[in-house]
Amino acid sequence: MKPMKNSEAVLRRAVLLVEDNEKLNEGNRRVLEKKGYEVCAALTLAEAREQLKHFAPDVILLDIMMPDGDGMDFCAEIREITDAHIIFLTSRGKHEEKLRGLALGGDDYITKPFMVDELIGRVASAMRRRGMAQSTTKTVVKGNLTIDPVASQAFLDGADLLLKPKEFSLLYLFVLNEGKLISAKLAYEKVWKAPLNDNTGSLRVQMSSLRKKLEGSGYTITFKQGDGYCFRLK
């Protein structure tokens, strides 16, 4: 079979916003959503911990001075569970503070007060870097399952699974977020490039077909009502 010409590899555009100032949190969330990002917001570090159990962000905007802890310490804590690009939001501008944040796993800084354009620009830059890193990956190997994002093909024990474009895009989205819950809404929006609305039937059909083709791979895609899909090893 010839490689598909129209790769539909999906890079999520998800942002976790951790900011205790409700007005600023809400304002930043609206601005980011208008730019097309999926945004999950938290007002405390405890809320952020819970969000990370079900949400796999590409970028985390993290305030340092939080009511229930230090954002830098939180950064070091979550580095064990996420490779998201972490941008600190802080009123602290000292050079030593910035070095400490970077040493603990942070990637960038935005000093308060800041312009909205700067926030959008930093997030967009982080997304581009993640996209470039992803595009350089020739293949992804999961056990006896091999995914070629360039050709939009997946192989089981070397045999082409003959995935349709939507099936491949779904599989690639799940592989990039292995072990994480992906809502039906997010899966549809990222693959069909449109709101889910009443199109759950189309998603279910593609998921059913994809599950059958993954039989024997050792991986399953489970669905939990109200939470979403999860791709993991049996």
Protein backbone atom coordinates (compact mmCIF):
# COMPACT_ATOMS: atom_id res chain seq x y z
CA MET A 1 0.00 0.00 0.00
CA LYS A 2 1.32 3.44 -0.92
CA PRO A 3 1.85 5.92 1.93
CA MET A 4 -1.00 8.38 2.43
CA LYS A 5 -0.15 11.81 1.12
CA ASN A 6 -2.24 13.78 3.59
CA SER A 7 -0.80 13.18 7.04
CA GLU A 8 -3.30 13.99 9.75
CA ALA A 9 -1.01 13.69 12.73
CA VAL A 10 -2.53 15.60 15.61
CA LEU A 11 -0.70 17.96 17.93
CA ARG A 12 -2.90 18.92 20.84
CA ARG A 13 -3.09 22.63 21.66
CA ALA A 14 -3.90 22.26 25.34
CA VAL A 15 -3.01 24.73 28.07
CA LEU A 16 -3.25 24.34 31.84
CA LEU A 17 -3.59 27.76 33.47
CA VAL A 18 -2.62 27.84 37.16
CA GLU A 19 -3.36 31.28 38.61
CA ASP A 20 -4.99 32.20 41.95
CA ASN A 21 -6.23 35.62 40.85
CA GLU A 22 -9.76 34.77 39.66
CA LYS A 23 -10.12 37.82 37.43
CA LEU A 24 -6.73 37.31 35.77
CA ASN A 25 -7.33 33.56 35.50
CA GLU A 26 -10.65 34.06 33.74
CA GLY A 27 -9.30 36.81 31.48
CA ASN A 28 -6.33 34.73 30.36
CA ARG A 29 -8.55 31.70 29.83
CA ARG A 30 -10.89 33.63 27.52
CA VAL A 31 -8.02 35.12 25.51
CA LEU A 32 -6.39 31.71 25.01
CA GLU A 33 -9.67 30.04 24.05
CA LYS A 34 -10.32 32.74 21.45
CA LYS A 35 -6.97 31.80 19.93
CA GLY A 36 -8.13 28.22 19.58
CA TYR A 37 -6.48 26.64 22.60
CA GLU A 38 -8.19 24.14 24.86
CA VAL A 39 -7.77 25.62 28.34
CA CYS A 40 -8.13 23.99 31.74
CA ALA A 41 -7.90 26.45 34.65
CA ALA A 42 -6.97 25.97 38.30
CA LEU A 43 -7.02 28.49 41.16
CA THR A 44 -4.84 26.41 43.50
CA LEU A 45 -2.02 23.89 43.20
CA ALA A 46 -4.35 21.25 44.64
CA GLU A 47 -6.78 21.88 41.77
CA ALA A 48 -3.90 21.69 39.28
CA ARG A 49 -2.84 18.30 40.66
CA GLU A 50 -6.36 16.98 40.13
CA GLN A 51 -6.52 18.44 36.62
CA LEU A 52 -3.28 16.68 35.65
CA LYS A 53 -4.84 13.33 36.50
CA HIS A 54 -7.24 13.73 33.57
CA PHE A 55 -5.70 16.45 31.38
CA ALA A 56 -2.48 16.27 29.38
CA PRO A 57 -1.43 19.86 28.57
CA ASP A 58 1.15 20.93 26.02
CA VAL A 59 1.83 24.14 27.93
CA ILE A 60 1.41 25.01 31.61
CA LEU A 61 1.16 28.67 32.62
CA LEU A 62 2.13 28.55 36.29
CA ASP A 63 1.94 31.37 38.82
CA ILE A 64 4.72 31.10 41.40
CA MET A 65 3.00 32.66 44.43
CA MET A 66 0.01 30.37 45.00
CA PRO A 67 -2.13 30.26 48.17
CA ASP A 68 -1.33 26.61 48.90
CA GLY A 69 2.34 26.43 47.94
CA ASP A 70 5.23 27.61 45.81
CA GLY A 71 4.85 27.26 42.04
CA MET A 72 8.52 26.43 41.57
CA ASP A 73 8.33 23.50 43.99
CA PHE A 74 5.17 22.38 42.18
CA CYS A 75 7.07 22.56 38.89
CA ALA A 76 9.72 20.19 40.23
CA GLU A 77 6.98 17.88 41.51
CA ILE A 78 5.07 17.57 38.24
CA ARG A 79 8.17 17.23 36.06
CA GLU A 80 7.96 13.51 36.92
CA ILE A 81 4.56 13.17 35.25
CA THR A 82 4.52 15.71 32.41
CA ASP A 83 6.82 16.97 29.67
CA ALA A 84 4.66 20.05 29.09
CA HIS A 85 6.39 23.36 28.39
CA ILE A 86 6.14 25.24 31.72
CA ILE A 87 6.00 29.04 31.66
CA PHE A 88 6.15 30.79 35.02
CA LEU A 89 3.90 33.80 35.64
CA THR A 90 5.46 35.89 38.37
CA SER A 91 5.99 39.33 39.83
CA ARG A 92 9.45 38.19 40.93
CA GLY A 93 12.00 39.48 38.46
CA LYS A 94 15.28 38.69 40.19
CA HIS A 95 17.86 36.84 38.13
CA GLU A 96 18.42 34.29 40.90
CA GLU A 97 14.72 33.45 41.00
CA LYS A 98 14.64 32.84 37.27
CA LEU A 99 17.66 30.55 37.46
CA ARG A 100 16.03 28.58 40.26
CA GLY A 101 12.86 28.14 38.26
CA LEU A 102 14.74 26.90 35.21
CA ALA A 103 16.80 24.52 37.35
CA LEU A 104 13.61 23.02 38.77
CA GLY A 105 12.25 22.21 35.31
CA GLY A 106 10.71 25.44 34.07
CA ASP A 107 11.12 26.52 30.45
CA ASP A 108 10.26 30.21 30.33
CA TYR A 109 9.22 33.27 32.34
CA ILE A 110 6.65 36.01 31.97
CA THR A 111 7.04 38.81 34.52
CA LYS A 112 3.88 40.52 35.80
CA PRO A 113 2.43 42.82 34.76
CA PHE A 114 2.48 41.65 31.15
CA MET A 115 0.67 42.43 27.92
CA VAL A 116 -1.79 39.92 26.54
CA ASP A 117 0.15 39.86 23.26
CA GLU A 118 3.23 38.68 25.12
CA LEU A 119 1.30 35.85 26.77
CA ILE A 120 -0.13 34.70 23.44
CA GLY A 121 3.27 34.99 21.77
CA ARG A 122 5.04 32.90 24.42
CA VAL A 123 2.37 30.19 24.30
CA ALA A 124 2.44 30.10 20.50
CA SER A 125 6.23 29.85 20.51
CA ALA A 126 6.10 26.93 22.96
CA MET A 127 3.51 25.17 20.80
CA ARG A 128 5.68 25.61 17.71
CA ARG A 129 8.67 24.09 19.46
CA ARG A 130 6.61 21.10 20.57
CA GLY A 131 5.28 20.72 17.03
CA MET A 132 8.79 20.81 15.55
CA ALA A 133 10.00 18.20 18.03
CA GLN A 134 7.04 16.00 17.22
CA SER A 135 7.48 16.32 13.44
CA THR A 136 11.07 15.11 13.63
CA THR A 137 9.95 11.80 15.13
CA LYS A 138 10.13 9.27 12.29
CA THR A 139 8.40 6.44 14.10
CA VAL A 140 6.85 5.70 17.47
CA VAL A 141 7.17 2.16 18.80
CA LYS A 142 4.77 0.78 21.40
CA GLY A 143 5.53 -2.90 21.94
CA ASN A 144 4.71 -4.66 18.67
CA LEU A 145 2.90 -1.56 17.41
CA THR A 146 4.80 0.91 15.19
CA ILE A 147 3.38 4.30 14.17
CA ASP A 148 4.79 6.31 11.27
CA PRO A 149 3.45 9.88 11.61
CA VAL A 150 5.00 11.00 8.33
CA ALA A 151 3.25 8.35 6.21
CA SER A 152 0.16 8.23 8.47
CA GLN A 153 0.52 4.46 8.82
CA ALA A 154 0.56 2.03 11.73
CA PHE A 155 2.01 -1.48 11.73
CA LEU A 156 1.35 -4.49 13.97
CA ASP A 157 4.24 -6.95 13.99
CA GLY A 158 5.36 -5.34 10.71
CA ALA A 159 1.98 -5.72 8.99
CA ASP A 160 0.20 -2.56 7.86
CA LEU A 161 -3.01 -2.07 9.85
CA LEU A 162 -4.47 -0.26 6.83
CA LEU A 163 -5.92 2.49 8.96
CA LYS A 164 -8.22 5.05 7.41
CA PRO A 165 -7.17 8.69 7.86
CA LYS A 166 -9.47 9.36 10.82
CA GLU A 167 -8.48 6.06 12.48
CA PHE A 168 -4.81 6.94 12.18
CA SER A 169 -5.32 10.45 13.56
CA LEU A 170 -7.23 9.04 16.53
CA LEU A 171 -4.57 6.43 17.20
CA TYR A 172 -1.76 8.97 16.99
CA LEU A 173 -3.60 11.30 19.38
CA PHE A 174 -3.99 8.46 21.88
CA VAL A 175 -0.39 7.29 21.49
CA LEU A 176 0.89 10.81 22.21
CA ASN A 177 -1.24 10.83 25.36
CA GLU A 178 -0.85 7.22 26.50
CA GLY A 179 -2.46 6.59 29.88
CA LYS A 180 -4.29 9.93 29.83
CA LEU A 181 -8.04 10.40 29.52
CA ILE A 182 -9.07 12.05 26.25
CA SER A 183 -12.64 13.34 26.18
CA ALA A 184 -14.89 12.55 23.23
CA LYS A 185 -15.19 16.30 22.66
CA LEU A 186 -11.43 16.76 22.42
CA ALA A 187 -10.89 13.68 20.25
CA TYR A 188 -13.52 14.82 17.74
CA GLU A 189 -12.34 18.43 17.64
CA LYS A 190 -8.70 17.44 17.07
CA VAL A 191 -9.40 14.83 14.39
CA TRP A 192 -12.47 16.20 12.57
CA LYS A 193 -11.45 19.85 13.10
CA ALA A 194 -15.04 20.69 14.08
CA PRO A 195 -17.22 20.85 17.21
CA LEU A 196 -18.57 17.52 18.45
CA ASN A 197 -22.19 18.68 18.79
CA ASP A 198 -24.37 15.65 17.87
CA ASN A 199 -21.66 13.80 15.96
CA THR A 200 -20.92 11.19 18.61
CA GLY A 201 -22.07 8.47 16.21
CA SER A 202 -19.26 9.18 13.75
CA LEU A 203 -16.70 9.05 16.54
CA ARG A 204 -18.09 5.76 17.89
CA VAL A 205 -17.92 4.15 14.45
CA GLN A 206 -14.27 5.12 13.96
CA MET A 207 -13.39 4.03 17.50
CA SER A 208 -15.05 0.65 17.05
CA SER A 209 -13.13 0.03 13.84
CA LEU A 210 -9.85 1.18 15.40
CA ARG A 211 -10.31 -1.11 18.41
CA LYS A 212 -10.81 -4.13 16.15
CA LYS A 213 -7.66 -3.34 14.19
CA LEU A 214 -5.66 -3.02 17.43
CA GLU A 215 -6.58 -6.55 18.55
CA GLY A 216 -3.40 -8.48 19.19
CA SER A 217 -1.32 -5.34 19.77
CA GLY A 218 -1.52 -5.62 23.54
CA TYR A 219 -3.07 -2.14 23.70
CA THR A 220 -6.68 -1.26 24.40
CA ILE A 221 -8.74 1.90 24.17
CA THR A 222 -11.24 1.96 27.01
CA PHE A 223 -14.11 4.39 27.45
CA LYS A 224 -15.48 5.70 30.73
CA GLN A 225 -18.78 7.57 30.51
CA GLY A 226 -18.33 11.20 31.46
CA ASP A 227 -14.53 11.03 31.38
CA GLY A 228 -13.43 9.84 27.94
CA TYR A 229 -11.09 7.41 26.20
CA CYS A 230 -7.82 6.02 27.50
CA PHE A 231 -5.13 4.23 25.45
CA ARG A 232 -3.00 1.88 27.53
CA LEU A 233 -1.26 -1.49 27.62
CA LYS A 234 -3.49 -4.31 28.91
